[in-house]
Amino acid sequence: IGKDVAVNGIVFKVIGICESDEWGETAYLPFTTSQQLFNKGWGVSSVNFTVTGLNDVEQNKTFTDGLRKQMAGLHQFDQRDEGAIYIRDSLTDYLQTLSIFNAINIFILFIAIGTLIAGIVGVSNIMLITVRERTQEFGIRKALGAKPVSILKLIFMESLLITGIFGYTGMVMGIFASETANYILENTEKTVTDFGMELTVFKDPIVDLNVAFGATLALVVAGVLAGLAPAYKAVRVTAIEAMRTE
């Protein structure tokens, strides 16, 4: 602060430093000074501002119409003339982009549900084969006084174990793939924007805690569903039928 900075042959004195989230290096100077230095005395070409509290298209349209009406009163033009003043509506563009991402998320959700169903069917088939191969074991357990609840618990625990191990293995592999992609992009070719900022597609990949809890719950539910049919078949096995099985 207090030092002189030369920009394009013009010397400016630094009177303060501000922190901003904007990309690139930005400097601010008084508007009247800018008018005098760059011969911009005819007026303001554009005004940028942020409005809070606008959550949908109707609220945004009401605000835009009110702004156009106010500007029309100040500068004597018909408020219905949209060519007299250009108002860039960022909210509508944002909502359209958001709807596209929501559609992508729904599509991915359907793929995830289909994958879970396929996994449930696969684990259930494996457990059915296991139950059939262990028919004698279940018969001996029942002959020794084992209750159906203990057999159900055994089948469900095995089903949960299988879905949990391979489910978390897939989750860890996904995180590892994201981290690997991020590492490769950060240490090889950079993506440089017009503002001079270096960006990567997989910048700082993280897994949200809610997503982790949701995935855990989905694995538990999938394990329970996968064990329903095998457990029901195991409970129905009688001791006499099991002892006859070779």
C-alpha atoms as a PDB file:
ATOM      1  CA  ILE A   1       0.000   0.000   0.000  1.00  0.00           C
ATOM      2  CA  GLY A   2       1.286   3.427  -0.964  1.00  0.00           C
ATOM      3  CA  LYS A   3       3.519   2.142  -3.742  1.00  0.00           C
ATOM      4  CA  ASP A   4       3.259   3.214  -7.391  1.00  0.00           C
ATOM      5  CA  VAL A   5       2.345   0.678 -10.080  1.00  0.00           C
ATOM      6  CA  ALA A   6       2.824   1.333 -13.812  1.00  0.00           C
ATOM      7  CA  VAL A   7       0.099  -0.113 -16.073  1.00  0.00           C
ATOM      8  CA  ASN A   8       0.408   0.514 -19.821  1.00  0.00           C
ATOM      9  CA  GLY A   9       2.524   3.599 -19.224  1.00  0.00           C
ATOM     10  CA  ILE A  10       0.189   5.093 -16.608  1.00  0.00           C
ATOM     11  CA  VAL A  11       1.311   5.240 -12.976  1.00  0.00           C
ATOM     12  CA  PHE A  12      -1.231   4.436 -10.259  1.00  0.00           C
ATOM     13  CA  LYS A  13      -0.847   4.614  -6.487  1.00  0.00           C
ATOM     14  CA  VAL A  14      -2.050   1.600  -4.503  1.00  0.00           C
ATOM     15  CA  ILE A  15      -4.417   2.771  -1.764  1.00  0.00           C
ATOM     16  CA  GLY A  16      -5.756  -0.594  -0.613  1.00  0.00           C
ATOM     17  CA  ILE A  17      -5.833  -4.341  -1.155  1.00  0.00           C
ATOM     18  CA  CYS A  18      -9.007  -6.402  -1.408  1.00  0.00           C
ATOM     19  CA  GLU A  19      -9.553 -10.149  -1.391  1.00  0.00           C
ATOM     20  CA  SER A  20     -11.745 -11.553  -4.151  1.00  0.00           C
ATOM     21  CA  ASP A  21     -12.800 -14.965  -5.458  1.00  0.00           C
ATOM     22  CA  GLU A  22     -12.655 -13.713  -9.050  1.00  0.00           C
ATOM     23  CA  TRP A  23     -10.295 -15.384 -11.515  1.00  0.00           C
ATOM     24  CA  GLY A  24      -7.163 -13.604 -12.615  1.00  0.00           C
ATOM     25  CA  GLU A  25      -5.572 -10.396 -11.354  1.00  0.00           C
ATOM     26  CA  THR A  26      -8.090  -7.575 -10.970  1.00  0.00           C
ATOM     27  CA  ALA A  27      -7.464  -3.940 -10.051  1.00  0.00           C
ATOM     28  CA  TYR A  28     -10.095  -1.325  -9.211  1.00  0.00           C
ATOM     29  CA  LEU A  29      -9.858   2.424  -9.760  1.00  0.00           C
ATOM     30  CA  PRO A  30     -12.289   5.310  -9.231  1.00  0.00           C
ATOM     31  CA  PHE A  31     -14.842   5.731 -11.985  1.00  0.00           C
ATOM     32  CA  THR A  32     -14.136   9.440 -12.475  1.00  0.00           C
ATOM     33  CA  THR A  33     -10.417   8.678 -12.798  1.00  0.00           C
ATOM     34  CA  SER A  34     -11.160   6.071 -15.424  1.00  0.00           C
ATOM     35  CA  GLN A  35     -13.307   8.590 -17.342  1.00  0.00           C
ATOM     36  CA  GLN A  36     -10.505  11.110 -17.434  1.00  0.00           C
ATOM     37  CA  LEU A  37      -7.695   8.681 -18.280  1.00  0.00           C
ATOM     38  CA  PHE A  38      -9.432   6.625 -20.934  1.00  0.00           C
ATOM     39  CA  ASN A  39     -11.758   9.292 -22.365  1.00  0.00           C
ATOM     40  CA  LYS A  40     -14.908   7.530 -21.243  1.00  0.00           C
ATOM     41  CA  GLY A  41     -16.869  10.580 -20.220  1.00  0.00           C
ATOM     42  CA  TRP A  42     -20.018   9.743 -22.169  1.00  0.00           C
ATOM     43  CA  GLY A  43     -21.437   7.368 -19.544  1.00  0.00           C
ATOM     44  CA  VAL A  44     -21.490   3.818 -18.266  1.00  0.00           C
ATOM     45  CA  SER A  45     -21.542   0.984 -20.794  1.00  0.00           C
ATOM     46  CA  SER A  46     -22.563  -1.743 -18.359  1.00  0.00           C
ATOM     47  CA  VAL A  47     -23.383  -2.327 -14.711  1.00  0.00           C
ATOM     48  CA  ASN A  48     -22.860  -5.684 -13.004  1.00  0.00           C
ATOM     49  CA  PHE A  49     -24.601  -6.534  -9.741  1.00  0.00           C
ATOM     50  CA  THR A  50     -25.833  -9.548  -7.803  1.00  0.00           C
ATOM     51  CA  VAL A  51     -29.368  -9.966  -6.507  1.00  0.00           C
ATOM     52  CA  THR A  52     -30.253 -12.306  -3.656  1.00  0.00           C
ATOM     53  CA  GLY A  53     -33.637 -13.873  -2.950  1.00  0.00           C
ATOM     54  CA  LEU A  54     -34.516 -14.819  -6.544  1.00  0.00           C
ATOM     55  CA  ASN A  55     -35.206 -18.557  -6.555  1.00  0.00           C
ATOM     56  CA  ASP A  56     -37.317 -19.174  -9.649  1.00  0.00           C
ATOM     57  CA  VAL A  57     -38.054 -17.810 -13.108  1.00  0.00           C
ATOM     58  CA  GLU A  58     -41.206 -15.930 -12.050  1.00  0.00           C
ATOM     59  CA  GLN A  59     -39.421 -13.990  -9.306  1.00  0.00           C
ATOM     60  CA  ASN A  60     -36.569 -13.221 -11.665  1.00  0.00           C
ATOM     61  CA  LYS A  61     -38.944 -11.997 -14.400  1.00  0.00           C
ATOM     62  CA  THR A  62     -40.751  -9.740 -11.929  1.00  0.00           C
ATOM     63  CA  PHE A  63     -37.453  -8.219 -10.835  1.00  0.00           C
ATOM     64  CA  THR A  64     -36.242  -7.786 -14.431  1.00  0.00           C
ATOM     65  CA  ASP A  65     -39.485  -6.092 -15.478  1.00  0.00           C
ATOM     66  CA  GLY A  66     -39.277  -3.759 -12.477  1.00  0.00           C
ATOM     67  CA  LEU A  67     -35.670  -2.884 -13.280  1.00  0.00           C
ATOM     68  CA  ARG A  68     -36.518  -2.195 -16.927  1.00  0.00           C
ATOM     69  CA  LYS A  69     -39.464  -0.004 -15.868  1.00  0.00           C
ATOM     70  CA  GLN A  70     -37.252   1.981 -13.495  1.00  0.00           C
ATOM     71  CA  MET A  71     -34.549   2.495 -16.122  1.00  0.00           C
ATOM     72  CA  ALA A  72     -37.192   3.501 -18.673  1.00  0.00           C
ATOM     73  CA  GLY A  73     -38.397   6.218 -16.320  1.00  0.00           C
ATOM     74  CA  LEU A  74     -34.866   7.504 -15.799  1.00  0.00           C
ATOM     75  CA  HIS A  75     -33.795   7.504 -19.459  1.00  0.00           C
ATOM     76  CA  GLN A  76     -37.107   8.205 -21.215  1.00  0.00           C
ATOM     77  CA  PHE A  77     -37.687   5.085 -23.304  1.00  0.00           C
ATOM     78  CA  ASP A  78     -40.577   2.680 -23.639  1.00  0.00           C
ATOM     79  CA  GLN A  79     -40.243  -0.070 -21.050  1.00  0.00           C
ATOM     80  CA  ARG A  80     -41.602  -2.565 -23.594  1.00  0.00           C
ATOM     81  CA  ASP A  81     -38.635  -1.869 -25.871  1.00  0.00           C
ATOM     82  CA  GLU A  82     -36.228  -4.635 -24.937  1.00  0.00           C
ATOM     83  CA  GLY A  83     -33.694  -3.296 -27.440  1.00  0.00           C
ATOM     84  CA  ALA A  84     -33.286  -0.028 -25.535  1.00  0.00           C
ATOM     85  CA  ILE A  85     -31.440  -1.689 -22.681  1.00  0.00           C
ATOM     86  CA  TYR A  86     -29.943  -5.161 -22.529  1.00  0.00           C
ATOM     87  CA  ILE A  87     -30.418  -7.073 -19.277  1.00  0.00           C
ATOM     88  CA  ARG A  88     -28.472 -10.310 -19.121  1.00  0.00           C
ATOM     89  CA  ASP A  89     -30.537 -12.877 -17.248  1.00  0.00           C
ATOM     90  CA  SER A  90     -28.038 -15.189 -15.585  1.00  0.00           C
ATOM     91  CA  LEU A  91     -30.596 -16.974 -13.407  1.00  0.00           C
ATOM     92  CA  THR A  92     -32.470 -18.470 -16.357  1.00  0.00           C
ATOM     93  CA  ASP A  93     -29.208 -19.766 -17.834  1.00  0.00           C
ATOM     94  CA  TYR A  94     -28.237 -21.149 -14.445  1.00  0.00           C
ATOM     95  CA  LEU A  95     -31.590 -22.920 -13.988  1.00  0.00           C
ATOM     96  CA  GLN A  96     -31.322 -24.435 -17.477  1.00  0.00           C
ATOM     97  CA  THR A  97     -27.815 -25.681 -16.729  1.00  0.00           C
ATOM     98  CA  LEU A  98     -29.004 -27.001 -13.376  1.00  0.00           C
ATOM     99  CA  SER A  99     -31.848 -28.901 -15.043  1.00  0.00           C
ATOM    100  CA  ILE A 100     -29.349 -30.536 -17.413  1.00  0.00           C
ATOM    101  CA  PHE A 101     -27.192 -31.664 -14.496  1.00  0.00           C
ATOM    102  CA  ASN A 102     -30.273 -32.901 -12.652  1.00  0.00           C
ATOM    103  CA  ALA A 103     -31.217 -34.989 -15.693  1.00  0.00           C
ATOM    104  CA  ILE A 104     -27.683 -36.400 -15.786  1.00  0.00           C
ATOM    105  CA  ASN A 105     -27.886 -37.215 -12.061  1.00  0.00           C
ATOM    106  CA  ILE A 106     -31.223 -38.985 -12.552  1.00  0.00           C
ATOM    107  CA  PHE A 107     -29.749 -40.984 -15.437  1.00  0.00           C
ATOM    108  CA  ILE A 108     -26.757 -41.973 -13.300  1.00  0.00           C
ATOM    109  CA  LEU A 109     -29.149 -42.872 -10.463  1.00  0.00           C
ATOM    110  CA  PHE A 110     -31.044 -45.259 -12.750  1.00  0.00           C
ATOM    111  CA  ILE A 111     -27.747 -46.835 -13.803  1.00  0.00           C
ATOM    112  CA  ALA A 112     -26.741 -47.226 -10.150  1.00  0.00           C
ATOM    113  CA  ILE A 113     -30.102 -48.796  -9.254  1.00  0.00           C
ATOM    114  CA  GLY A 114     -29.821 -51.193 -12.203  1.00  0.00           C
ATOM    115  CA  THR A 115     -26.297 -52.118 -11.137  1.00  0.00           C
ATOM    116  CA  LEU A 116     -27.470 -52.747  -7.575  1.00  0.00           C
ATOM    117  CA  ILE A 117     -30.338 -54.941  -8.813  1.00  0.00           C
ATOM    118  CA  ALA A 118     -27.923 -56.932 -10.969  1.00  0.00           C
ATOM    119  CA  GLY A 119     -25.614 -57.323  -7.975  1.00  0.00           C
ATOM    120  CA  ILE A 120     -28.494 -58.412  -5.744  1.00  0.00           C
ATOM    121  CA  VAL A 121     -29.541 -61.053  -8.272  1.00  0.00           C
ATOM    122  CA  GLY A 122     -25.954 -62.281  -8.606  1.00  0.00           C
ATOM    123  CA  VAL A 123     -25.356 -62.525  -4.855  1.00  0.00           C
ATOM    124  CA  SER A 124     -28.758 -64.158  -4.366  1.00  0.00           C
ATOM    125  CA  ASN A 125     -27.950 -66.832  -6.958  1.00  0.00           C
ATOM    126  CA  ILE A 126     -24.589 -67.498  -5.311  1.00  0.00           C
ATOM    127  CA  MET A 127     -26.242 -67.836  -1.914  1.00  0.00           C
ATOM    128  CA  LEU A 128     -28.922 -70.161  -3.349  1.00  0.00           C
ATOM    129  CA  ILE A 129     -26.193 -72.453  -4.674  1.00  0.00           C
ATOM    130  CA  THR A 130     -24.461 -72.253  -1.288  1.00  0.00           C
ATOM    131  CA  VAL A 131     -27.673 -73.193   0.524  1.00  0.00           C
ATOM    132  CA  ARG A 132     -28.198 -76.153  -1.790  1.00  0.00           C
ATOM    133  CA  GLU A 133     -24.641 -77.375  -1.218  1.00  0.00           C
ATOM    134  CA  ARG A 134     -24.997 -76.974   2.554  1.00  0.00           C
ATOM    135  CA  THR A 135     -28.329 -78.760   2.881  1.00  0.00           C
ATOM    136  CA  GLN A 136     -26.890 -81.464   5.098  1.00  0.00           C
ATOM    137  CA  GLU A 137     -25.266 -78.851   7.341  1.00  0.00           C
ATOM    138  CA  PHE A 138     -28.559 -77.082   7.893  1.00  0.00           C
ATOM    139  CA  GLY A 139     -30.279 -80.415   8.544  1.00  0.00           C
ATOM    140  CA  ILE A 140     -27.699 -81.376  11.152  1.00  0.00           C
ATOM    141  CA  ARG A 141     -28.042 -77.938  12.764  1.00  0.00           C
ATOM    142  CA  LYS A 142     -31.794 -78.377  13.005  1.00  0.00           C
ATOM    143  CA  ALA A 143     -31.430 -81.924  14.323  1.00  0.00           C
ATOM    144  CA  LEU A 144     -29.155 -80.587  17.062  1.00  0.00           C
ATOM    145  CA  GLY A 145     -31.765 -77.994  18.028  1.00  0.00           C
ATOM    146  CA  ALA A 146     -30.813 -74.956  15.970  1.00  0.00           C
ATOM    147  CA  LYS A 147     -33.650 -72.452  15.658  1.00  0.00           C
ATOM    148  CA  PRO A 148     -34.716 -71.005  12.278  1.00  0.00           C
ATOM    149  CA  VAL A 149     -33.598 -67.566  13.477  1.00  0.00           C
ATOM    150  CA  SER A 150     -29.997 -68.750  13.805  1.00  0.00           C
ATOM    151  CA  ILE A 151     -30.030 -70.106  10.245  1.00  0.00           C
ATOM    152  CA  LEU A 152     -31.573 -66.887   8.967  1.00  0.00           C
ATOM    153  CA  LYS A 153     -28.913 -64.892  10.786  1.00  0.00           C
ATOM    154  CA  LEU A 154     -26.177 -67.047   9.265  1.00  0.00           C
ATOM    155  CA  ILE A 155     -27.437 -66.558   5.684  1.00  0.00           C
ATOM    156  CA  PHE A 156     -28.002 -62.822   6.117  1.00  0.00           C
ATOM    157  CA  MET A 157     -24.560 -62.269   7.647  1.00  0.00           C
ATOM    158  CA  GLU A 158     -22.870 -64.079   4.765  1.00  0.00           C
ATOM    159  CA  SER A 159     -24.918 -62.085   2.241  1.00  0.00           C
ATOM    160  CA  LEU A 160     -24.090 -58.785   3.950  1.00  0.00           C
ATOM    161  CA  LEU A 161     -20.429 -59.748   4.105  1.00  0.00           C
ATOM    162  CA  ILE A 162     -20.253 -60.460   0.373  1.00  0.00           C
ATOM    163  CA  THR A 163     -22.092 -57.277  -0.673  1.00  0.00           C
ATOM    164  CA  GLY A 164     -20.147 -55.164   1.833  1.00  0.00           C
ATOM    165  CA  ILE A 165     -16.695 -56.357   0.784  1.00  0.00           C
ATOM    166  CA  PHE A 166     -17.246 -56.022  -2.949  1.00  0.00           C
ATOM    167  CA  GLY A 167     -19.331 -52.848  -2.593  1.00  0.00           C
ATOM    168  CA  TYR A 168     -16.623 -51.033  -0.653  1.00  0.00           C
ATOM    169  CA  THR A 169     -14.016 -52.436  -3.020  1.00  0.00           C
ATOM    170  CA  GLY A 170     -15.838 -50.770  -5.904  1.00  0.00           C
ATOM    171  CA  MET A 171     -16.126 -47.511  -3.947  1.00  0.00           C
ATOM    172  CA  VAL A 172     -12.403 -47.465  -3.154  1.00  0.00           C
ATOM    173  CA  MET A 173     -11.581 -48.224  -6.800  1.00  0.00           C
ATOM    174  CA  GLY A 174     -13.759 -45.298  -7.909  1.00  0.00           C
ATOM    175  CA  ILE A 175     -12.015 -42.907  -5.500  1.00  0.00           C
ATOM    176  CA  PHE A 176      -8.635 -44.246  -6.599  1.00  0.00           C
ATOM    177  CA  ALA A 177      -9.537 -43.664 -10.277  1.00  0.00           C
ATOM    178  CA  SER A 178     -10.560 -40.048  -9.542  1.00  0.00           C
ATOM    179  CA  GLU A 179      -7.400 -39.380  -7.559  1.00  0.00           C
ATOM    180  CA  THR A 180      -5.264 -40.936 -10.295  1.00  0.00           C
ATOM    181  CA  ALA A 181      -6.919 -38.803 -12.998  1.00  0.00           C
ATOM    182  CA  ASN A 182      -6.428 -35.693 -10.866  1.00  0.00           C
ATOM    183  CA  TYR A 183      -2.754 -36.520 -10.300  1.00  0.00           C
ATOM    184  CA  ILE A 184      -2.106 -37.123 -14.005  1.00  0.00           C
ATOM    185  CA  LEU A 185      -3.837 -33.885 -15.048  1.00  0.00           C
ATOM    186  CA  GLU A 186      -2.057 -31.803 -12.401  1.00  0.00           C
ATOM    187  CA  ASN A 187       1.384 -33.127 -13.274  1.00  0.00           C
ATOM    188  CA  THR A 188       1.153 -33.179 -17.066  1.00  0.00           C
ATOM    189  CA  GLU A 189      -0.721 -30.819 -19.347  1.00  0.00           C
ATOM    190  CA  LYS A 190      -2.660 -28.043 -17.633  1.00  0.00           C
ATOM    191  CA  THR A 191      -5.976 -26.584 -18.702  1.00  0.00           C
ATOM    192  CA  VAL A 192      -5.478 -22.809 -18.830  1.00  0.00           C
ATOM    193  CA  THR A 193      -8.449 -20.460 -18.918  1.00  0.00           C
ATOM    194  CA  ASP A 194      -8.671 -17.031 -20.514  1.00  0.00           C
ATOM    195  CA  PHE A 195      -8.071 -15.521 -17.077  1.00  0.00           C
ATOM    196  CA  GLY A 196      -4.738 -17.275 -16.668  1.00  0.00           C
ATOM    197  CA  MET A 197      -6.010 -19.744 -14.110  1.00  0.00           C
ATOM    198  CA  GLU A 198      -4.950 -23.377 -14.296  1.00  0.00           C
ATOM    199  CA  LEU A 199      -7.873 -25.755 -13.909  1.00  0.00           C
ATOM    200  CA  THR A 200      -8.271 -29.515 -14.068  1.00  0.00           C
ATOM    201  CA  VAL A 201     -11.403 -31.538 -14.647  1.00  0.00           C
ATOM    202  CA  PHE A 202     -10.910 -33.672 -11.529  1.00  0.00           C
ATOM    203  CA  LYS A 203      -9.667 -30.870  -9.274  1.00  0.00           C
ATOM    204  CA  ASP A 204      -9.532 -32.039  -5.633  1.00  0.00           C
ATOM    205  CA  PRO A 205     -11.978 -34.981  -5.902  1.00  0.00           C
ATOM    206  CA  ILE A 206     -13.745 -35.716  -2.625  1.00  0.00           C
ATOM    207  CA  VAL A 207     -16.481 -38.056  -1.456  1.00  0.00           C
ATOM    208  CA  ASP A 208     -19.218 -36.368   0.531  1.00  0.00           C
ATOM    209  CA  LEU A 209     -19.918 -37.915   3.937  1.00  0.00           C
ATOM    210  CA  ASN A 210     -23.637 -38.131   3.159  1.00  0.00           C
ATOM    211  CA  VAL A 211     -22.812 -40.049  -0.022  1.00  0.00           C
ATOM    212  CA  ALA A 212     -20.674 -42.485   1.978  1.00  0.00           C
ATOM    213  CA  PHE A 213     -23.477 -43.069   4.492  1.00  0.00           C
ATOM    214  CA  GLY A 214     -25.979 -43.462   1.665  1.00  0.00           C
ATOM    215  CA  ALA A 215     -23.748 -45.996  -0.073  1.00  0.00           C
ATOM    216  CA  THR A 216     -23.371 -47.935   3.185  1.00  0.00           C
ATOM    217  CA  LEU A 217     -27.132 -48.018   3.687  1.00  0.00           C
ATOM    218  CA  ALA A 218     -27.627 -49.141   0.076  1.00  0.00           C
ATOM    219  CA  LEU A 219     -25.124 -51.969   0.580  1.00  0.00           C
ATOM    220  CA  VAL A 220     -26.918 -53.109   3.735  1.00  0.00           C
ATOM    221  CA  VAL A 221     -30.305 -53.085   2.004  1.00  0.00           C
ATOM    222  CA  ALA A 222     -28.845 -54.886  -1.015  1.00  0.00           C
ATOM    223  CA  GLY A 223     -27.317 -57.526   1.253  1.00  0.00           C
ATOM    224  CA  VAL A 224     -30.606 -58.105   3.037  1.00  0.00           C
ATOM    225  CA  LEU A 225     -32.535 -58.365  -0.224  1.00  0.00           C
ATOM    226  CA  ALA A 226     -29.955 -60.710  -1.689  1.00  0.00           C
ATOM    227  CA  GLY A 227     -30.259 -63.003   1.320  1.00  0.00           C
ATOM    228  CA  LEU A 228     -34.064 -63.170   1.443  1.00  0.00           C
ATOM    229  CA  ALA A 229     -34.608 -66.021  -1.032  1.00  0.00           C
ATOM    230  CA  PRO A 230     -31.646 -68.157   0.147  1.00  0.00           C
ATOM    231  CA  ALA A 231     -32.625 -67.671   3.794  1.00  0.00           C
ATOM    232  CA  TYR A 232     -36.233 -68.658   3.099  1.00  0.00           C
ATOM    233  CA  LYS A 233     -35.050 -71.798   1.286  1.00  0.00           C
ATOM    234  CA  ALA A 234     -32.637 -72.680   4.093  1.00  0.00           C
ATOM    235  CA  VAL A 235     -35.331 -72.330   6.761  1.00  0.00           C
ATOM    236  CA  ARG A 236     -37.689 -74.624   4.847  1.00  0.00           C
ATOM    237  CA  VAL A 237     -35.148 -77.461   4.820  1.00  0.00           C
ATOM    238  CA  THR A 238     -36.259 -80.209   7.232  1.00  0.00           C
ATOM    239  CA  ALA A 239     -33.819 -82.347   9.154  1.00  0.00           C
ATOM    240  CA  ILE A 240     -35.035 -85.604   7.567  1.00  0.00           C
ATOM    241  CA  GLU A 241     -34.777 -84.277   3.980  1.00  0.00           C
ATOM    242  CA  ALA A 242     -31.351 -82.855   4.714  1.00  0.00           C
ATOM    243  CA  MET A 243     -30.013 -86.132   6.109  1.00  0.00           C
ATOM    244  CA  ARG A 244     -31.156 -87.947   2.953  1.00  0.00           C
ATOM    245  CA  THR A 245     -29.306 -85.511   0.682  1.00  0.00           C
ATOM    246  CA  GLU A 246     -26.033 -86.752  -0.677  1.00  0.00           C
END
